[in-house]
């Protein structure tokens, strides 16, 4: 009986959220739970946990929290409180600690302790990078299909957000770096 009310409430909430809102949201809490489950063990254990979380309404509760609270916060503020956190990334040249505070990323190299900060400015839709006390605007969005990117000469170029556009930009920057090295 209780499960029926929870299921009905969830269906009603999803229907209302789709009709009253123009933003679906990222469902960060539910996705983090699913991601955790995928990394627990082998596929049989993952399936048992998945089934158990559906029987005990864990997924339903996280989805409801995402729909009613977290996605609304993300829509109105532009930041998702669940997106915050710290991860360790294994790169080709070492390990990096990546910390997200909801507005940007702080990347710390575990090799030499160097720190780089990436920040998003919602007002002008741009990403900036800060290292060694210097901040540089790296990229800004022009529209849904173009960005302005900084090239090796310190000039901004409009780049199409497609495979061809990115490859063309890479060729230009590679050529500039080759000429600078001569």
Protein backbone atom coordinates (compact mmCIF):
# COMPACT_ATOMS: atom_id res chain seq x y z
CA UNK A 1 0.00 0.00 0.00
CA UNK A 2 2.81 2.40 0.97
CA UNK A 3 4.72 1.50 -2.20
CA UNK A 4 1.63 2.30 -4.30
CA UNK A 5 1.40 5.80 -2.81
CA UNK A 6 5.13 6.40 -3.37
CA UNK A 7 4.89 5.18 -6.97
CA UNK A 8 1.81 7.32 -7.62
CA UNK A 9 3.52 10.36 -6.08
CA UNK A 10 6.61 9.76 -8.20
CA UNK A 11 4.58 9.45 -11.41
CA UNK A 12 2.57 12.58 -10.55
CA UNK A 13 5.75 14.52 -9.74
CA UNK A 14 7.45 13.50 -12.98
CA UNK A 15 4.36 14.45 -14.99
CA UNK A 16 4.11 17.81 -13.21
CA UNK A 17 7.80 18.56 -13.59
CA UNK A 18 7.64 17.89 -17.33
CA UNK A 19 4.64 20.14 -17.79
CA UNK A 20 5.68 23.02 -15.52
CA UNK A 21 9.41 23.26 -16.13
CA UNK A 22 11.60 23.87 -19.13
CA UNK A 23 14.70 22.31 -17.55
CA UNK A 24 14.99 18.58 -17.01
CA UNK A 25 18.11 18.83 -14.86
CA UNK A 26 21.13 16.59 -14.54
CA UNK A 27 19.76 14.15 -11.92
CA UNK A 28 23.18 14.20 -10.23
CA UNK A 29 22.17 12.32 -7.08
CA UNK A 30 20.53 9.46 -8.99
CA UNK A 31 23.42 9.30 -11.47
CA UNK A 32 25.99 9.20 -8.65
CA UNK A 33 24.12 6.32 -7.05
CA UNK A 34 23.97 4.44 -10.37
CA UNK A 35 27.66 5.13 -11.00
CA UNK A 36 28.57 3.86 -7.52
CA UNK A 37 26.57 0.68 -8.16
CA UNK A 38 28.33 0.08 -11.49
CA UNK A 39 31.72 0.19 -9.75
CA UNK A 40 30.91 -2.00 -6.73
CA UNK A 41 31.91 -5.42 -8.01
CA UNK A 42 31.05 -7.80 -10.81
CA UNK A 43 27.87 -7.62 -12.90
CA UNK A 44 25.96 -10.12 -10.74
CA UNK A 45 26.53 -8.14 -7.54
CA UNK A 46 25.67 -4.93 -9.40
CA UNK A 47 22.39 -6.47 -10.59
CA UNK A 48 21.50 -7.62 -7.05
CA UNK A 49 22.18 -4.15 -5.65
CA UNK A 50 20.23 -2.57 -8.51
CA UNK A 51 17.23 -4.83 -7.86
CA UNK A 52 17.47 -4.30 -4.09
CA UNK A 53 17.54 -0.52 -4.53
CA UNK A 54 14.36 -0.71 -6.60
CA UNK A 55 12.58 -2.96 -4.09
CA UNK A 56 13.64 -0.74 -1.17
CA UNK A 57 12.68 2.58 -2.76
CA UNK A 58 16.24 3.97 -2.82
CA UNK A 59 16.20 4.91 -6.52
CA UNK A 60 12.69 6.31 -6.19
CA UNK A 61 13.74 8.53 -3.27
CA UNK A 62 16.89 9.80 -5.04
CA UNK A 63 14.89 10.52 -8.20
CA UNK A 64 12.26 12.36 -6.17
CA UNK A 65 14.97 14.38 -4.38
CA UNK A 66 16.50 15.24 -7.77
CA UNK A 67 13.14 16.24 -9.26
CA UNK A 68 11.80 18.29 -6.36
CA UNK A 69 14.91 19.81 -4.82
CA UNK A 70 18.26 19.39 -6.55
CA UNK A 71 17.20 20.01 -10.16
CA UNK A 72 15.23 23.07 -9.01
CA UNK A 73 18.32 24.43 -7.23
CA UNK A 74 20.36 23.73 -10.37
CA UNK A 75 17.77 25.46 -12.59
CA UNK A 76 17.48 28.63 -10.50
CA UNK A 77 21.08 29.01 -9.32
CA UNK A 78 23.00 27.39 -12.17
CA UNK A 79 24.89 25.18 -9.68
CA UNK A 80 24.12 21.65 -8.57
CA UNK A 81 25.04 20.99 -4.93
CA UNK A 82 25.58 17.27 -5.60
CA UNK A 83 28.12 17.97 -8.36
CA UNK A 84 30.56 19.16 -5.71
CA UNK A 85 33.26 16.74 -4.64
CA UNK A 86 36.79 15.51 -5.17
CA UNK A 87 38.13 12.83 -7.50
CA UNK A 88 41.56 11.40 -8.22
CA UNK A 89 42.39 11.17 -11.92
CA UNK A 90 45.17 8.92 -13.23
CA UNK A 91 46.83 10.73 -16.15
CA UNK A 92 49.61 9.66 -18.49
CA UNK A 93 52.11 11.72 -16.52
CA UNK A 94 50.83 11.16 -12.98
CA UNK A 95 47.92 11.54 -10.60
CA UNK A 96 45.76 14.64 -10.25
CA UNK A 97 43.33 15.64 -7.54
CA UNK A 98 40.29 17.36 -9.11
CA UNK A 99 38.00 19.23 -6.72
CA UNK A 100 34.67 20.62 -7.88
CA UNK A 101 33.03 23.36 -5.82
CA UNK A 102 30.00 23.83 -8.07
CA UNK A 103 31.43 26.91 -9.83
CA UNK A 104 34.66 25.49 -11.19
CA UNK A 105 37.49 23.02 -10.71
CA UNK A 106 40.78 23.08 -8.81
CA UNK A 107 43.29 20.62 -10.28
CA UNK A 108 46.30 19.73 -8.15
CA UNK A 109 49.17 17.64 -9.49
CA UNK A 110 50.29 15.02 -6.99
CA UNK A 111 53.66 14.92 -8.81
CA UNK A 112 54.84 18.49 -8.22
CA UNK A 113 51.99 20.09 -6.23
CA UNK A 114 51.19 22.62 -8.96
CA UNK A 115 47.63 23.98 -8.92
CA UNK A 116 45.44 25.09 -11.82
CA UNK A 117 41.97 26.59 -11.36
CA UNK A 118 39.20 26.49 -14.00
CA UNK A 119 36.24 28.84 -13.41
CA UNK A 120 33.00 29.33 -15.32
CA UNK A 121 31.57 32.86 -15.52
CA UNK A 122 27.85 32.53 -16.19
CA UNK A 123 27.49 36.25 -16.98
CA UNK A 124 29.61 36.10 -20.15
CA UNK A 125 29.47 32.30 -20.62
CA UNK A 126 33.22 31.82 -20.43
CA UNK A 127 35.80 29.50 -18.88
CA UNK A 128 38.95 31.00 -17.40
CA UNK A 129 42.11 29.26 -16.27
CA UNK A 130 44.26 30.49 -13.40
CA UNK A 131 47.80 29.31 -12.72
CA UNK A 132 50.72 30.93 -10.92
CA UNK A 133 48.52 33.90 -9.95
CA UNK A 134 47.62 34.75 -13.56
CA UNK A 135 44.09 34.38 -14.94
CA UNK A 136 43.34 34.05 -18.65
CA UNK A 137 39.98 33.66 -20.39
CA UNK A 138 40.38 30.37 -22.20
CA UNK A 139 37.06 30.02 -23.98
CA UNK A 140 33.70 31.76 -24.29
CA UNK A 141 30.49 30.51 -25.85
CA UNK A 142 29.29 32.47 -28.89
CA UNK A 143 26.12 30.42 -29.49
CA UNK A 144 25.05 26.78 -29.33
CA UNK A 145 27.44 25.73 -32.10
CA UNK A 146 30.47 28.07 -31.74
CA UNK A 147 33.01 29.12 -29.13
CA UNK A 148 35.88 31.61 -29.11
CA UNK A 149 39.09 29.86 -28.12
CA UNK A 150 42.48 31.27 -27.26
CA UNK A 151 45.19 30.20 -29.71
CA UNK A 152 48.97 29.87 -29.26
CA UNK A 153 49.49 33.51 -30.36
CA UNK A 154 47.16 34.84 -27.66
CA UNK A 155 44.38 35.68 -30.13
CA UNK A 156 40.79 34.44 -29.98
CA UNK A 157 39.44 32.33 -32.83
CA UNK A 158 35.86 31.29 -33.42
CA UNK A 159 35.65 27.50 -33.49
CA UNK A 160 32.71 25.44 -34.68
CA UNK A 161 31.67 22.79 -32.16
CA UNK A 162 31.98 19.86 -34.51
CA UNK A 163 34.64 17.29 -35.24
CA UNK A 164 35.80 19.26 -38.30
CA UNK A 165 35.88 22.54 -36.36
CA UNK A 166 37.92 21.08 -33.50
CA UNK A 167 40.36 19.40 -35.91
CA UNK A 168 40.84 22.68 -37.79
CA UNK A 169 41.54 24.49 -34.53
CA UNK A 170 44.05 21.81 -33.48
CA UNK A 171 45.89 22.16 -36.80
CA UNK A 172 46.10 25.95 -36.45
CA UNK A 173 47.38 25.80 -32.87
CA UNK A 174 49.84 22.99 -33.68
CA UNK A 175 51.21 25.04 -36.58
CA UNK A 176 51.55 28.13 -34.37
CA UNK A 177 53.38 26.15 -31.71
CA UNK A 178 55.69 24.62 -34.32
CA UNK A 179 56.55 28.08 -35.71
CA UNK A 180 57.18 29.43 -32.20
CA UNK A 181 59.56 26.55 -31.44
CA UNK A 182 61.76 27.33 -34.46
